[in-house]
Amino acid sequence: MKTNFFTGLFIAIIIIHTHSCQVPQSEKQSLIFYSYAENADQVHYLVPMVESIRTFAGKFSDAEIWVYIPSEIIKLDTSTIERLNSLNVEVREIEVPEEAGWFFLSGKVYAAALAESEAEGKTDILVFLNYDTVVLEELNEFILPENKKLGYRPVMHKNVGLLYSEPLDSFWRRIYEIMSVDESRLFPMITPADEDTIRPYFNAGLLVVRPDAEILRKWIDYYEKLYQDTILKKMCEQDISKRIFLHQTALTGAIMNHFDGEDILQLSDQVNFPIFFREQFGAKKDFHDITGVVTFRHESYFRNPDLDWEKKITGPKEKIDWIKVHLIAE
């Protein structure tokens, strides 16, 4: 199968690269950021994401930033790539197997595995920020305690997930079967948007990992098992939400299978804050106050914001002014 050949080659490159890129402990960085964009709109939003790091991330403002972008997009958007380079961003190419490309956001999984392999030996902490992230404070939460291998946030709302009290549906039953998830290891999570108690379902839009734990490389293994399954593919053909979020279910299985509860840390509600989420997707409460927010996700809201958004948002004036300058389209 074409995908198996690609995966074998991909893993071989990772192994060779990992052994050739070890650096002395004294030269290790405390933290490296990476992100991924798969089209021109997402590449556009990488610029304010990076600018926010350089402006507000404090002692991490000069950290290395890698962005993974398909080669054809790099060639089409040279001006934005030049702007990223001027901000000391390293732009790296990523390719996605054709079979995986039918599913949404597959590139995020392949970029994650590649970034983790390239970061091993160079940093103790690797941070993934989705392209629509803005940093507003120093990221001290991201320096994980010694005994933690992963910092995470729950999904914003239940979506294709399940309430903790609900029985397995056919979709999640198949996922658990393929990934051999032990249900005795499950624990409740609370969604930020609706405060629903759900089965474990990890947000793939922000991850803080120790590269040597290899969880992002395990993610790709599980993801390929899922998207190659004919039963799941049929379900995804019938429900576009499942097709969009299959990658996130694979992340959940990888974490549940390879980490114990004491290995992982739920980051605070001020991280991955879903600004204006209620206006875009519905929620039980507003997300307007950015006071104390460390990072927020805007889901491209500011491309065409509500006319009264400035009346709704509250928080430090200089940060609201920054949003106006860097996120509002001219």
C-alpha atoms as a PDB file:
ATOM      1  CA  MET A   1       0.000   0.000   0.000  1.00  0.00           C
ATOM      2  CA  LYS A   2       1.226   3.479  -0.905  1.00  0.00           C
ATOM      3  CA  THR A   3       0.551   4.766   2.609  1.00  0.00           C
ATOM      4  CA  ASN A   4       2.605   2.007   4.241  1.00  0.00           C
ATOM      5  CA  PHE A   5       5.562   2.800   1.973  1.00  0.00           C
ATOM      6  CA  PHE A   6       5.244   6.500   2.798  1.00  0.00           C
ATOM      7  CA  THR A   7       5.031   5.763   6.523  1.00  0.00           C
ATOM      8  CA  GLY A   8       8.105   3.531   6.434  1.00  0.00           C
ATOM      9  CA  LEU A   9      10.087   6.187   4.604  1.00  0.00           C
ATOM     10  CA  PHE A  10       8.761   8.867   6.961  1.00  0.00           C
ATOM     11  CA  ILE A  11       9.851   6.894  10.052  1.00  0.00           C
ATOM     12  CA  ALA A  12      13.271   6.143   8.542  1.00  0.00           C
ATOM     13  CA  ILE A  13      13.854   9.847   7.927  1.00  0.00           C
ATOM     14  CA  ILE A  14      12.776  10.604  11.489  1.00  0.00           C
ATOM     15  CA  ILE A  15      15.200   8.041  12.957  1.00  0.00           C
ATOM     16  CA  ILE A  16      18.146   9.276  10.883  1.00  0.00           C
ATOM     17  CA  HIS A  17      17.332  12.896  11.646  1.00  0.00           C
ATOM     18  CA  THR A  18      16.941  12.252  15.377  1.00  0.00           C
ATOM     19  CA  HIS A  19      20.345  10.568  15.701  1.00  0.00           C
ATOM     20  CA  SER A  20      22.072  13.278  13.688  1.00  0.00           C
ATOM     21  CA  CYS A  21      20.595  16.215  15.608  1.00  0.00           C
ATOM     22  CA  GLN A  22      21.488  15.525  19.228  1.00  0.00           C
ATOM     23  CA  VAL A  23      22.989  18.559  20.936  1.00  0.00           C
ATOM     24  CA  PRO A  24      24.857  18.972  24.214  1.00  0.00           C
ATOM     25  CA  GLN A  25      22.578  19.462  27.233  1.00  0.00           C
ATOM     26  CA  SER A  26      24.061  22.919  27.796  1.00  0.00           C
ATOM     27  CA  GLU A  27      22.872  24.006  24.326  1.00  0.00           C
ATOM     28  CA  LYS A  28      19.315  22.740  24.731  1.00  0.00           C
ATOM     29  CA  GLN A  29      16.536  25.303  24.583  1.00  0.00           C
ATOM     30  CA  SER A  30      13.914  25.311  27.304  1.00  0.00           C
ATOM     31  CA  LEU A  31      11.096  25.524  24.779  1.00  0.00           C
ATOM     32  CA  ILE A  32      10.448  25.420  21.022  1.00  0.00           C
ATOM     33  CA  PHE A  33       7.158  26.367  19.354  1.00  0.00           C
ATOM     34  CA  TYR A  34       5.763  24.852  16.199  1.00  0.00           C
ATOM     35  CA  SER A  35       2.616  25.339  14.148  1.00  0.00           C
ATOM     36  CA  TYR A  36       1.014  24.083  10.957  1.00  0.00           C
ATOM     37  CA  ALA A  37      -0.938  25.747   8.148  1.00  0.00           C
ATOM     38  CA  GLU A  38      -2.495  24.007   5.173  1.00  0.00           C
ATOM     39  CA  ASN A  39      -3.802  26.913   3.080  1.00  0.00           C
ATOM     40  CA  ALA A  40      -3.181  30.592   2.374  1.00  0.00           C
ATOM     41  CA  ASP A  41      -5.692  31.858   4.950  1.00  0.00           C
ATOM     42  CA  GLN A  42      -4.052  29.844   7.703  1.00  0.00           C
ATOM     43  CA  VAL A  43      -0.587  30.986   6.628  1.00  0.00           C
ATOM     44  CA  HIS A  44      -1.844  34.578   6.880  1.00  0.00           C
ATOM     45  CA  TYR A  45      -2.800  34.041  10.536  1.00  0.00           C
ATOM     46  CA  LEU A  46       0.593  32.570  11.381  1.00  0.00           C
ATOM     47  CA  VAL A  47       1.991  36.109  11.219  1.00  0.00           C
ATOM     48  CA  PRO A  48      -0.051  37.565  14.121  1.00  0.00           C
ATOM     49  CA  MET A  49       0.481  34.340  16.057  1.00  0.00           C
ATOM     50  CA  VAL A  50       4.253  34.776  15.766  1.00  0.00           C
ATOM     51  CA  GLU A  51       4.068  38.524  16.406  1.00  0.00           C
ATOM     52  CA  SER A  52       2.152  37.849  19.618  1.00  0.00           C
ATOM     53  CA  ILE A  53       4.880  35.471  20.808  1.00  0.00           C
ATOM     54  CA  ARG A  54       7.582  37.989  19.995  1.00  0.00           C
ATOM     55  CA  THR A  55       5.615  40.723  21.822  1.00  0.00           C
ATOM     56  CA  PHE A  56       4.024  39.099  24.884  1.00  0.00           C
ATOM     57  CA  ALA A  57       5.761  35.785  25.629  1.00  0.00           C
ATOM     58  CA  GLY A  58       8.314  37.326  27.990  1.00  0.00           C
ATOM     59  CA  LYS A  59      11.384  35.166  28.455  1.00  0.00           C
ATOM     60  CA  PHE A  60      10.100  32.892  25.683  1.00  0.00           C
ATOM     61  CA  SER A  61       9.667  35.697  23.145  1.00  0.00           C
ATOM     62  CA  ASP A  62      12.912  34.807  21.367  1.00  0.00           C
ATOM     63  CA  ALA A  63      12.276  31.054  21.314  1.00  0.00           C
ATOM     64  CA  GLU A  64      12.641  29.102  18.092  1.00  0.00           C
ATOM     65  CA  ILE A  65       9.444  28.852  16.064  1.00  0.00           C
ATOM     66  CA  TRP A  66       8.962  26.254  13.336  1.00  0.00           C
ATOM     67  CA  VAL A  67       6.000  26.295  10.977  1.00  0.00           C
ATOM     68  CA  TYR A  68       5.115  23.375   8.736  1.00  0.00           C
ATOM     69  CA  ILE A  69       3.422  24.217   5.444  1.00  0.00           C
ATOM     70  CA  PRO A  70       2.786  22.152   2.278  1.00  0.00           C
ATOM     71  CA  SER A  71       5.358  22.956  -0.399  1.00  0.00           C
ATOM     72  CA  GLU A  72       2.767  24.150  -2.920  1.00  0.00           C
ATOM     73  CA  ILE A  73       1.457  26.744  -0.434  1.00  0.00           C
ATOM     74  CA  ILE A  74       4.977  27.957   0.341  1.00  0.00           C
ATOM     75  CA  LYS A  75       5.527  28.607  -3.365  1.00  0.00           C
ATOM     76  CA  LEU A  76       2.227  30.472  -3.767  1.00  0.00           C
ATOM     77  CA  ASP A  77       2.509  32.860  -0.824  1.00  0.00           C
ATOM     78  CA  THR A  78       6.076  34.127  -0.930  1.00  0.00           C
ATOM     79  CA  SER A  79       5.347  37.520   0.657  1.00  0.00           C
ATOM     80  CA  THR A  80       3.909  35.978   3.830  1.00  0.00           C
ATOM     81  CA  ILE A  81       6.745  33.467   3.960  1.00  0.00           C
ATOM     82  CA  GLU A  82       9.223  36.342   3.751  1.00  0.00           C
ATOM     83  CA  ARG A  83       7.409  38.079   6.610  1.00  0.00           C
ATOM     84  CA  LEU A  84       7.638  34.929   8.720  1.00  0.00           C
ATOM     85  CA  ASN A  85      11.340  34.638   7.934  1.00  0.00           C
ATOM     86  CA  SER A  86      11.835  38.250   9.035  1.00  0.00           C
ATOM     87  CA  LEU A  87      10.371  37.252  12.408  1.00  0.00           C
ATOM     88  CA  ASN A  88      13.015  34.511  12.732  1.00  0.00           C
ATOM     89  CA  VAL A  89      10.579  31.742  11.925  1.00  0.00           C
ATOM     90  CA  GLU A  90      11.867  28.580  10.305  1.00  0.00           C
ATOM     91  CA  VAL A  91       9.474  27.523   7.538  1.00  0.00           C
ATOM     92  CA  ARG A  92       9.548  23.779   6.883  1.00  0.00           C
ATOM     93  CA  GLU A  93       7.830  21.705   4.230  1.00  0.00           C
ATOM     94  CA  ILE A  94       5.372  18.962   5.074  1.00  0.00           C
ATOM     95  CA  GLU A  95       3.759  16.417   2.770  1.00  0.00           C
ATOM     96  CA  VAL A  96       0.632  14.401   3.541  1.00  0.00           C
ATOM     97  CA  PRO A  97      -0.143  10.964   2.051  1.00  0.00           C
ATOM     98  CA  GLU A  98      -2.885  11.126  -0.551  1.00  0.00           C
ATOM     99  CA  GLU A  99      -5.053   8.624   1.307  1.00  0.00           C
ATOM    100  CA  ALA A 100      -4.930  10.748   4.470  1.00  0.00           C
ATOM    101  CA  GLY A 101      -5.664  13.934   2.562  1.00  0.00           C
ATOM    102  CA  TRP A 102      -9.369  13.123   2.234  1.00  0.00           C
ATOM    103  CA  PHE A 103      -9.742  13.590   5.981  1.00  0.00           C
ATOM    104  CA  PHE A 104      -9.594  17.112   7.333  1.00  0.00           C
ATOM    105  CA  LEU A 105      -6.546  18.291   9.289  1.00  0.00           C
ATOM    106  CA  SER A 106      -4.434  15.219   8.545  1.00  0.00           C
ATOM    107  CA  GLY A 107      -1.439  17.471   7.972  1.00  0.00           C
ATOM    108  CA  LYS A 108      -1.555  18.502  11.610  1.00  0.00           C
ATOM    109  CA  VAL A 109      -0.807  14.909  12.621  1.00  0.00           C
ATOM    110  CA  TYR A 110       2.073  14.460  10.174  1.00  0.00           C
ATOM    111  CA  ALA A 111       3.543  17.836  11.129  1.00  0.00           C
ATOM    112  CA  ALA A 112       3.329  16.857  14.800  1.00  0.00           C
ATOM    113  CA  ALA A 113       5.302  13.652  14.323  1.00  0.00           C
ATOM    114  CA  LEU A 114       7.947  15.410  12.253  1.00  0.00           C
ATOM    115  CA  ALA A 115       8.272  18.330  14.676  1.00  0.00           C
ATOM    116  CA  GLU A 116       8.618  16.005  17.644  1.00  0.00           C
ATOM    117  CA  SER A 117      11.360  13.993  15.955  1.00  0.00           C
ATOM    118  CA  GLU A 118      13.201  17.160  14.935  1.00  0.00           C
ATOM    119  CA  ALA A 119      12.886  18.627  18.433  1.00  0.00           C
ATOM    120  CA  GLU A 120      14.147  15.581  20.328  1.00  0.00           C
ATOM    121  CA  GLY A 121      17.537  16.333  21.804  1.00  0.00           C
ATOM    122  CA  LYS A 122      17.175  20.056  21.106  1.00  0.00           C
ATOM    123  CA  THR A 123      14.606  21.048  23.716  1.00  0.00           C
ATOM    124  CA  ASP A 124      12.923  19.726  26.822  1.00  0.00           C
ATOM    125  CA  ILE A 125       9.533  21.177  25.868  1.00  0.00           C
ATOM    126  CA  LEU A 126       7.830  21.338  22.464  1.00  0.00           C
ATOM    127  CA  VAL A 127       4.688  23.479  22.167  1.00  0.00           C
ATOM    128  CA  PHE A 128       2.122  23.226  19.394  1.00  0.00           C
ATOM    129  CA  LEU A 129       0.026  26.342  18.820  1.00  0.00           C
ATOM    130  CA  ASN A 130      -2.750  26.240  16.248  1.00  0.00           C
ATOM    131  CA  TYR A 131      -2.413  28.886  13.543  1.00  0.00           C
ATOM    132  CA  ASP A 132      -5.284  30.926  15.055  1.00  0.00           C
ATOM    133  CA  THR A 133      -3.618  31.284  18.459  1.00  0.00           C
ATOM    134  CA  VAL A 134      -2.624  34.584  20.041  1.00  0.00           C
ATOM    135  CA  VAL A 135      -0.263  34.739  23.025  1.00  0.00           C
ATOM    136  CA  LEU A 136      -0.951  37.477  25.590  1.00  0.00           C
ATOM    137  CA  GLU A 137       1.199  36.542  28.598  1.00  0.00           C
ATOM    138  CA  GLU A 138       4.451  34.815  29.505  1.00  0.00           C
ATOM    139  CA  LEU A 139       3.954  31.087  29.090  1.00  0.00           C
ATOM    140  CA  ASN A 140       5.180  29.822  32.434  1.00  0.00           C
ATOM    141  CA  GLU A 141       2.570  27.046  32.550  1.00  0.00           C
ATOM    142  CA  PHE A 142       4.278  25.476  29.565  1.00  0.00           C
ATOM    143  CA  ILE A 143       7.392  24.585  31.546  1.00  0.00           C
ATOM    144  CA  LEU A 144       6.003  21.296  32.758  1.00  0.00           C
ATOM    145  CA  PRO A 145       6.839  19.840  36.172  1.00  0.00           C
ATOM    146  CA  GLU A 146       9.537  17.165  35.993  1.00  0.00           C
ATOM    147  CA  ASN A 147       7.020  14.340  36.389  1.00  0.00           C
ATOM    148  CA  LYS A 148       4.708  15.538  33.595  1.00  0.00           C
ATOM    149  CA  LYS A 149       5.008  14.523  29.947  1.00  0.00           C
ATOM    150  CA  LEU A 150       2.023  16.367  28.484  1.00  0.00           C
ATOM    151  CA  GLY A 151       0.137  19.605  29.085  1.00  0.00           C
ATOM    152  CA  TYR A 152      -3.303  19.687  27.488  1.00  0.00           C
ATOM    153  CA  ARG A 153      -6.691  21.343  27.275  1.00  0.00           C
ATOM    154  CA  PRO A 154     -10.050  19.607  26.786  1.00  0.00           C
ATOM    155  CA  VAL A 155     -11.989  20.146  23.578  1.00  0.00           C
ATOM    156  CA  MET A 156     -14.005  23.392  23.575  1.00  0.00           C
ATOM    157  CA  HIS A 157     -17.365  21.598  23.431  1.00  0.00           C
ATOM    158  CA  LYS A 158     -18.625  18.036  23.111  1.00  0.00           C
ATOM    159  CA  ASN A 159     -19.076  18.008  19.325  1.00  0.00           C
ATOM    160  CA  VAL A 160     -18.460  14.385  18.199  1.00  0.00           C
ATOM    161  CA  GLY A 161     -17.478  13.405  21.741  1.00  0.00           C
ATOM    162  CA  LEU A 162     -19.687  11.717  24.317  1.00  0.00           C
ATOM    163  CA  LEU A 163     -21.005  12.770  27.689  1.00  0.00           C
ATOM    164  CA  TYR A 164     -19.356  10.781  30.452  1.00  0.00           C
ATOM    165  CA  SER A 165     -22.758   9.361  31.382  1.00  0.00           C
ATOM    166  CA  GLU A 166     -23.549   8.240  27.835  1.00  0.00           C
ATOM    167  CA  PRO A 167     -22.963   4.708  26.554  1.00  0.00           C
ATOM    168  CA  LEU A 168     -20.567   4.230  23.666  1.00  0.00           C
ATOM    169  CA  ASP A 169     -22.028   4.954  20.258  1.00  0.00           C
ATOM    170  CA  SER A 170     -20.955   3.011  17.164  1.00  0.00           C
ATOM    171  CA  PHE A 171     -18.333   5.641  16.224  1.00  0.00           C
ATOM    172  CA  TRP A 172     -16.457   5.644  19.522  1.00  0.00           C
ATOM    173  CA  ARG A 173     -16.914   1.901  20.012  1.00  0.00           C
ATOM    174  CA  ARG A 174     -15.102   1.325  16.724  1.00  0.00           C
ATOM    175  CA  ILE A 175     -12.367   3.818  17.678  1.00  0.00           C
ATOM    176  CA  TYR A 176     -11.817   2.148  21.055  1.00  0.00           C
ATOM    177  CA  GLU A 177     -11.712  -1.273  19.391  1.00  0.00           C
ATOM    178  CA  ILE A 178      -9.134  -0.285  16.774  1.00  0.00           C
ATOM    179  CA  MET A 179      -6.912   1.494  19.293  1.00  0.00           C
ATOM    180  CA  SER A 180      -7.481  -1.075  22.081  1.00  0.00           C
ATOM    181  CA  VAL A 181      -8.433   1.628  24.575  1.00  0.00           C
ATOM    182  CA  ASP A 182      -8.972   0.272  28.079  1.00  0.00           C
ATOM    183  CA  GLU A 183     -12.194   1.865  29.320  1.00  0.00           C
ATOM    184  CA  SER A 184     -11.085   1.471  32.932  1.00  0.00           C
ATOM    185  CA  ARG A 185      -8.498   4.200  32.239  1.00  0.00           C
ATOM    186  CA  LEU A 186     -11.103   6.782  31.219  1.00  0.00           C
ATOM    187  CA  PHE A 187     -11.778   9.846  33.352  1.00  0.00           C
ATOM    188  CA  PRO A 188     -14.205  12.783  33.115  1.00  0.00           C
ATOM    189  CA  MET A 189     -13.339  16.085  31.436  1.00  0.00           C
ATOM    190  CA  ILE A 190     -15.234  19.385  31.562  1.00  0.00           C
ATOM    191  CA  THR A 191     -15.669  21.317  28.315  1.00  0.00           C
ATOM    192  CA  PRO A 192     -14.888  25.056  28.595  1.00  0.00           C
ATOM    193  CA  ALA A 193     -17.742  26.280  26.390  1.00  0.00           C
ATOM    194  CA  ASP A 194     -20.667  24.361  27.857  1.00  0.00           C
ATOM    195  CA  GLU A 195     -19.262  22.857  31.067  1.00  0.00           C
ATOM    196  CA  ASP A 196     -20.391  19.424  29.930  1.00  0.00           C
ATOM    197  CA  THR A 197     -18.814  16.412  31.608  1.00  0.00           C
ATOM    198  CA  ILE A 198     -17.483  14.262  28.779  1.00  0.00           C
ATOM    199  CA  ARG A 199     -15.364  11.198  28.178  1.00  0.00           C
ATOM    200  CA  PRO A 200     -11.679  12.032  27.578  1.00  0.00           C
ATOM    201  CA  TYR A 201     -11.347  14.056  24.379  1.00  0.00           C
ATOM    202  CA  PHE A 202      -8.168  16.109  24.064  1.00  0.00           C
ATOM    203  CA  ASN A 203      -7.935  19.388  22.162  1.00  0.00           C
ATOM    204  CA  ALA A 204      -5.487  19.094  19.267  1.00  0.00           C
ATOM    205  CA  GLY A 205      -5.196  22.882  18.963  1.00  0.00           C
ATOM    206  CA  LEU A 206      -2.658  23.290  21.762  1.00  0.00           C
ATOM    207  CA  LEU A 207      -0.232  20.688  23.089  1.00  0.00           C
ATOM    208  CA  VAL A 208       2.773  20.926  25.385  1.00  0.00           C
ATOM    209  CA  VAL A 209       4.924  17.793  25.177  1.00  0.00           C
ATOM    210  CA  ARG A 210       8.258  16.350  26.134  1.00  0.00           C
ATOM    211  CA  PRO A 211       9.650  15.175  22.779  1.00  0.00           C
ATOM    212  CA  ASP A 212      11.381  12.147  24.279  1.00  0.00           C
ATOM    213  CA  ALA A 213       7.980  10.782  25.371  1.00  0.00           C
ATOM    214  CA  GLU A 214       7.179  10.340  21.640  1.00  0.00           C
ATOM    215  CA  ILE A 215       3.427  10.855  22.036  1.00  0.00           C
ATOM    216  CA  LEU A 216       3.122  12.791  18.771  1.00  0.00           C
ATOM    217  CA  ARG A 217       4.782   9.959  16.867  1.00  0.00           C
ATOM    218  CA  LYS A 218       2.375   7.517  18.508  1.00  0.00           C
ATOM    219  CA  TRP A 219      -0.468   9.795  17.403  1.00  0.00           C
ATOM    220  CA  ILE A 220       0.385   9.231  13.750  1.00  0.00           C
ATOM    221  CA  ASP A 221       0.427   5.446  14.251  1.00  0.00           C
ATOM    222  CA  TYR A 222      -3.087   5.466  15.679  1.00  0.00           C
ATOM    223  CA  TYR A 223      -4.361   7.946  13.130  1.00  0.00           C
ATOM    224  CA  GLU A 224      -3.298   5.755  10.222  1.00  0.00           C
ATOM    225  CA  LYS A 225      -5.110   2.794  11.768  1.00  0.00           C
ATOM    226  CA  LEU A 226      -8.269   4.868  12.040  1.00  0.00           C
ATOM    227  CA  TYR A 227      -8.369   6.515   8.640  1.00  0.00           C
ATOM    228  CA  GLN A 228      -7.534   3.248   6.869  1.00  0.00           C
ATOM    229  CA  ASP A 229     -10.490   1.503   8.525  1.00  0.00           C
ATOM    230  CA  THR A 230     -13.317   1.039   6.028  1.00  0.00           C
ATOM    231  CA  ILE A 231     -16.051   1.126   8.681  1.00  0.00           C
ATOM    232  CA  LEU A 232     -14.874   4.454  10.090  1.00  0.00           C
ATOM    233  CA  LYS A 233     -14.440   5.879   6.616  1.00  0.00           C
ATOM    234  CA  LYS A 234     -18.067   5.042   5.860  1.00  0.00           C
ATOM    235  CA  MET A 235     -19.143   6.841   9.042  1.00  0.00           C
ATOM    236  CA  CYS A 236     -17.053   9.843   8.026  1.00  0.00           C
ATOM    237  CA  GLU A 237     -18.680   9.877   4.587  1.00  0.00           C
ATOM    238  CA  GLN A 238     -22.071  10.124   6.285  1.00  0.00           C
ATOM    239  CA  ASP A 239     -21.094  12.737   8.893  1.00  0.00           C
ATOM    240  CA  ILE A 240     -18.655  15.513   7.985  1.00  0.00           C
ATOM    241  CA  SER A 241     -17.996  16.309  11.660  1.00  0.00           C
ATOM    242  CA  LYS A 242     -16.492  12.853  12.095  1.00  0.00           C
ATOM    243  CA  ARG A 243     -14.369  13.403   8.994  1.00  0.00           C
ATOM    244  CA  ILE A 244     -13.146  16.723  10.423  1.00  0.00           C
ATOM    245  CA  PHE A 245     -12.311  15.478  13.897  1.00  0.00           C
ATOM    246  CA  LEU A 246     -11.070  11.929  13.333  1.00  0.00           C
ATOM    247  CA  HIS A 247      -7.503  13.156  13.905  1.00  0.00           C
ATOM    248  CA  GLN A 248      -8.480  14.354  17.385  1.00  0.00           C
ATOM    249  CA  THR A 249      -9.963  10.995  18.345  1.00  0.00           C
ATOM    250  CA  ALA A 250      -6.636   9.371  17.424  1.00  0.00           C
ATOM    251  CA  LEU A 251      -4.808  11.811  19.698  1.00  0.00           C
ATOM    252  CA  THR A 252      -7.147  10.860  22.524  1.00  0.00           C
ATOM    253  CA  GLY A 253      -6.423   7.163  22.051  1.00  0.00           C
ATOM    254  CA  ALA A 254      -2.669   7.714  21.950  1.00  0.00           C
ATOM    255  CA  ILE A 255      -2.727   9.686  25.193  1.00  0.00           C
ATOM    256  CA  MET A 256      -5.033   7.261  26.997  1.00  0.00           C
ATOM    257  CA  ASN A 257      -2.959   4.243  25.982  1.00  0.00           C
ATOM    258  CA  HIS A 258       0.511   5.593  26.664  1.00  0.00           C
ATOM    259  CA  PHE A 259       0.185   7.990  29.597  1.00  0.00           C
ATOM    260  CA  ASP A 260      -1.085   7.433  33.108  1.00  0.00           C
ATOM    261  CA  GLY A 261      -3.018  10.132  34.923  1.00  0.00           C
ATOM    262  CA  GLU A 262       0.065  11.331  36.784  1.00  0.00           C
ATOM    263  CA  ASP A 263       1.913  11.866  33.468  1.00  0.00           C
ATOM    264  CA  ILE A 264      -0.427  14.562  32.174  1.00  0.00           C
ATOM    265  CA  LEU A 265      -1.394  18.054  33.312  1.00  0.00           C
ATOM    266  CA  GLN A 266      -4.549  19.949  32.431  1.00  0.00           C
ATOM    267  CA  LEU A 267      -3.517  23.531  31.759  1.00  0.00           C
ATOM    268  CA  SER A 268      -5.552  26.400  33.194  1.00  0.00           C
ATOM    269  CA  ASP A 269      -8.688  27.904  31.672  1.00  0.00           C
ATOM    270  CA  GLN A 270      -6.581  30.928  30.699  1.00  0.00           C
ATOM    271  CA  VAL A 271      -4.787  28.788  28.120  1.00  0.00           C
ATOM    272  CA  ASN A 272      -6.458  28.162  24.737  1.00  0.00           C
ATOM    273  CA  PHE A 273      -9.200  30.596  25.779  1.00  0.00           C
ATOM    274  CA  PRO A 274     -12.015  30.432  23.161  1.00  0.00           C
ATOM    275  CA  ILE A 275     -12.582  34.133  22.510  1.00  0.00           C
ATOM    276  CA  PHE A 276     -16.027  34.975  21.048  1.00  0.00           C
ATOM    277  CA  PHE A 277     -16.804  31.244  20.924  1.00  0.00           C
ATOM    278  CA  ARG A 278     -20.452  31.767  21.821  1.00  0.00           C
ATOM    279  CA  GLU A 279     -20.932  34.085  18.852  1.00  0.00           C
ATOM    280  CA  GLN A 280     -19.404  31.576  16.443  1.00  0.00           C
ATOM    281  CA  PHE A 281     -20.464  28.143  17.652  1.00  0.00           C
ATOM    282  CA  GLY A 282     -22.819  28.601  20.584  1.00  0.00           C
ATOM    283  CA  ALA A 283     -21.908  28.256  24.261  1.00  0.00           C
ATOM    284  CA  LYS A 284     -23.495  28.569  27.689  1.00  0.00           C
ATOM    285  CA  LYS A 285     -21.401  31.625  28.527  1.00  0.00           C
ATOM    286  CA  ASP A 286     -19.521  34.481  26.914  1.00  0.00           C
ATOM    287  CA  PHE A 287     -15.767  34.557  26.340  1.00  0.00           C
ATOM    288  CA  HIS A 288     -15.176  38.292  26.165  1.00  0.00           C
ATOM    289  CA  ASP A 289     -12.833  39.092  29.068  1.00  0.00           C
ATOM    290  CA  ILE A 290      -9.153  38.658  28.172  1.00  0.00           C
ATOM    291  CA  THR A 291      -7.883  39.796  31.579  1.00  0.00           C
ATOM    292  CA  GLY A 292      -5.222  37.276  32.605  1.00  0.00           C
ATOM    293  CA  VAL A 293      -5.645  35.204  29.439  1.00  0.00           C
ATOM    294  CA  VAL A 294      -2.385  33.500  28.473  1.00  0.00           C
ATOM    295  CA  THR A 295      -3.350  32.344  24.963  1.00  0.00           C
ATOM    296  CA  PHE A 296      -6.594  32.571  23.036  1.00  0.00           C
ATOM    297  CA  ARG A 297      -7.972  30.948  19.890  1.00  0.00           C
ATOM    298  CA  HIS A 298      -9.930  33.173  17.533  1.00  0.00           C
ATOM    299  CA  GLU A 299     -11.085  30.633  14.897  1.00  0.00           C
ATOM    300  CA  SER A 300     -10.675  33.430  12.294  1.00  0.00           C
ATOM    301  CA  TYR A 301     -13.456  35.403  14.025  1.00  0.00           C
ATOM    302  CA  PHE A 302     -11.702  38.712  13.391  1.00  0.00           C
ATOM    303  CA  ARG A 303     -11.818  38.256   9.626  1.00  0.00           C
ATOM    304  CA  ASN A 304     -15.420  39.473   9.801  1.00  0.00           C
ATOM    305  CA  PRO A 305     -16.166  40.339  13.441  1.00  0.00           C
ATOM    306  CA  ASP A 306     -19.465  41.546  14.849  1.00  0.00           C
ATOM    307  CA  LEU A 307     -19.782  45.305  14.502  1.00  0.00           C
ATOM    308  CA  ASP A 308     -19.994  45.680  18.276  1.00  0.00           C
ATOM    309  CA  TRP A 309     -17.063  43.418  19.160  1.00  0.00           C
ATOM    310  CA  GLU A 310     -15.143  46.285  20.764  1.00  0.00           C
ATOM    311  CA  LYS A 311     -18.059  46.958  23.098  1.00  0.00           C
ATOM    312  CA  LYS A 312     -18.136  43.306  24.155  1.00  0.00           C
ATOM    313  CA  ILE A 313     -14.449  42.641  24.743  1.00  0.00           C
ATOM    314  CA  THR A 314     -12.918  43.630  28.085  1.00  0.00           C
ATOM    315  CA  GLY A 315      -9.376  43.518  29.409  1.00  0.00           C
ATOM    316  CA  PRO A 316      -6.109  45.432  29.215  1.00  0.00           C
ATOM    317  CA  LYS A 317      -6.409  48.291  26.725  1.00  0.00           C
ATOM    318  CA  GLU A 318      -2.976  47.706  25.201  1.00  0.00           C
ATOM    319  CA  LYS A 319      -3.907  44.119  24.349  1.00  0.00           C
ATOM    320  CA  ILE A 320      -7.252  45.068  22.855  1.00  0.00           C
ATOM    321  CA  ASP A 321      -5.425  47.706  20.797  1.00  0.00           C
ATOM    322  CA  TRP A 322      -2.954  45.023  19.681  1.00  0.00           C
ATOM    323  CA  ILE A 323      -5.854  42.870  18.484  1.00  0.00           C
ATOM    324  CA  LYS A 324      -7.255  45.793  16.482  1.00  0.00           C
ATOM    325  CA  VAL A 325      -3.928  46.392  14.772  1.00  0.00           C
ATOM    326  CA  HIS A 326      -2.887  42.794  14.114  1.00  0.00           C
ATOM    327  CA  LEU A 327      -6.115  40.813  13.625  1.00  0.00           C
ATOM    328  CA  ILE A 328      -8.737  43.119  12.175  1.00  0.00           C
ATOM    329  CA  ALA A 329      -8.670  43.096   8.373  1.00  0.00           C
ATOM    330  CA  GLU A 330      -8.146  46.466   6.728  1.00  0.00           C
END
